[in-house]
C-alpha atoms as a PDB file:
ATOM      1  CA  MET A   1    -116.358  20.663  46.716  1.00  0.00           C
ATOM      2  CA  SER A   2    -115.851  19.531  43.144  1.00  0.00           C
ATOM      3  CA  PRO A   3    -117.800  20.558  40.250  1.00  0.00           C
ATOM      4  CA  GLU A   4    -119.052  17.259  39.679  1.00  0.00           C
ATOM      5  CA  LYS A   5    -120.677  16.977  42.997  1.00  0.00           C
ATOM      6  CA  LEU A   6    -122.090  20.476  42.562  1.00  0.00           C
ATOM      7  CA  GLY A   7    -123.570  19.398  39.341  1.00  0.00           C
ATOM      8  CA  HIS A   8    -125.133  16.220  41.027  1.00  0.00           C
ATOM      9  CA  MET A   9    -126.674  18.186  43.661  1.00  0.00           C
ATOM     10  CA  ALA A  10    -127.986  20.530  41.273  1.00  0.00           C
ATOM     11  CA  ASN A  11    -129.763  17.704  39.344  1.00  0.00           C
ATOM     12  CA  GLN A  12    -131.101  16.319  42.340  1.00  0.00           C
ATOM     13  CA  ILE A  13    -132.761  20.029  43.203  1.00  0.00           C
ATOM     14  CA  ALA A  14    -134.174  19.910  39.675  1.00  0.00           C
ATOM     15  CA  MET A  15    -135.623  16.339  39.994  1.00  0.00           C
ATOM     16  CA  PHE A  16    -137.708  17.480  42.987  1.00  0.00           C
ATOM     17  CA  PHE A  17    -138.784  20.774  41.104  1.00  0.00           C
ATOM     18  CA  GLU A  18    -139.780  18.900  38.274  1.00  0.00           C
ATOM     19  CA  SER A  19    -142.690  17.654  39.950  1.00  0.00           C
ATOM     20  CA  GLN A  20    -143.871  21.110  41.327  1.00  0.00           C
ATOM     21  CA  PRO A  21    -146.215  23.666  39.514  1.00  0.00           C
ATOM     22  CA  GLY A  22    -145.067  26.802  38.231  1.00  0.00           C
ATOM     23  CA  ASP A  23    -141.791  28.042  36.753  1.00  0.00           C
ATOM     24  CA  GLN A  24    -139.761  25.107  37.638  1.00  0.00           C
ATOM     25  CA  ALA A  25    -136.566  26.242  36.248  1.00  0.00           C
ATOM     26  CA  ARG A  26    -136.868  29.695  38.117  1.00  0.00           C
ATOM     27  CA  ALA A  27    -137.450  27.438  41.377  1.00  0.00           C
ATOM     28  CA  VAL A  28    -134.268  25.577  40.807  1.00  0.00           C
ATOM     29  CA  ALA A  29    -132.178  28.867  40.138  1.00  0.00           C
ATOM     30  CA  ASP A  30    -134.067  30.644  43.321  1.00  0.00           C
ATOM     31  CA  HIS A  31    -132.936  27.492  45.360  1.00  0.00           C
ATOM     32  CA  ILE A  32    -129.449  27.607  44.191  1.00  0.00           C
ATOM     33  CA  ASN A  33    -129.324  31.093  45.102  1.00  0.00           C
ATOM     34  CA  ALA A  34    -130.891  31.285  48.479  1.00  0.00           C
ATOM     35  CA  ASN A  35    -128.923  28.112  49.796  1.00  0.00           C
ATOM     36  CA  TRP A  36    -125.693  27.785  48.009  1.00  0.00           C
ATOM     37  CA  ALA A  37    -122.661  29.777  49.254  1.00  0.00           C
ATOM     38  CA  PRO A  38    -121.466  32.421  46.402  1.00  0.00           C
ATOM     39  CA  ALA A  39    -118.112  30.343  46.222  1.00  0.00           C
ATOM     40  CA  MET A  40    -120.456  27.036  45.448  1.00  0.00           C
ATOM     41  CA  ARG A  41    -122.416  28.941  42.788  1.00  0.00           C
ATOM     42  CA  ALA A  42    -119.078  30.314  41.257  1.00  0.00           C
ATOM     43  CA  GLN A  43    -117.591  26.854  41.038  1.00  0.00           C
ATOM     44  CA  PHE A  44    -120.651  25.393  39.868  1.00  0.00           C
ATOM     45  CA  LEU A  45    -121.081  27.690  37.014  1.00  0.00           C
ATOM     46  CA  ASP A  46    -117.458  27.512  36.104  1.00  0.00           C
ATOM     47  CA  GLY A  47    -117.583  23.649  35.902  1.00  0.00           C
ATOM     48  CA  ALA A  48    -121.195  23.558  34.145  1.00  0.00           C
ATOM     49  CA  PRO A  49    -120.473  23.395  30.505  1.00  0.00           C
ATOM     50  CA  GLU A  50    -118.615  19.964  31.069  1.00  0.00           C
ATOM     51  CA  GLN A  51    -121.525  18.447  32.793  1.00  0.00           C
ATOM     52  CA  ALA A  52    -124.500  16.452  31.999  1.00  0.00           C
ATOM     53  CA  LEU A  53    -126.969  18.570  33.772  1.00  0.00           C
ATOM     54  CA  HIS A  54    -130.772  18.139  34.051  1.00  0.00           C
ATOM     55  CA  PRO A  55    -132.899  20.128  31.485  1.00  0.00           C
ATOM     56  CA  LEU A  56    -134.231  22.094  34.417  1.00  0.00           C
ATOM     57  CA  VAL A  57    -130.991  23.050  35.598  1.00  0.00           C
ATOM     58  CA  THR A  58    -129.650  24.228  32.212  1.00  0.00           C
ATOM     59  CA  ALA A  59    -132.816  26.122  31.645  1.00  0.00           C
ATOM     60  CA  ALA A  60    -131.930  27.767  35.263  1.00  0.00           C
ATOM     61  CA  LEU A  61    -128.062  28.628  34.383  1.00  0.00           C
ATOM     62  CA  PRO A  62    -129.176  31.882  33.306  1.00  0.00           C
ATOM     63  CA  GLU A  63    -130.839  32.861  36.462  1.00  0.00           C
ATOM     64  CA  ILE A  64    -128.236  31.591  39.039  1.00  0.00           C
ATOM     65  CA  ARG A  65    -126.230  34.618  40.339  1.00  0.00           C
ATOM     66  CA  ARG A  66    -122.649  34.607  39.791  1.00  0.00           C
ATOM     67  CA  PRO A  67    -120.808  36.148  42.792  1.00  0.00           C
ATOM     68  CA  ALA A  68    -119.293  39.507  42.170  1.00  0.00           C
END
């Protein structure tokens, strides 16, 4: 999957969680960590700096686990 598509998906996740109570950035990271394959997370994290990401995605980046 392209980094652009993954960025779009992450932004959609953030738009959902921005209306939820609590730590929204943590919720974005938790969702990505739980539901994206390790290869998807790695590809997303590698391409993240070049993308226009929702502020919640940007805040969640440090909590998204990079596969070993």
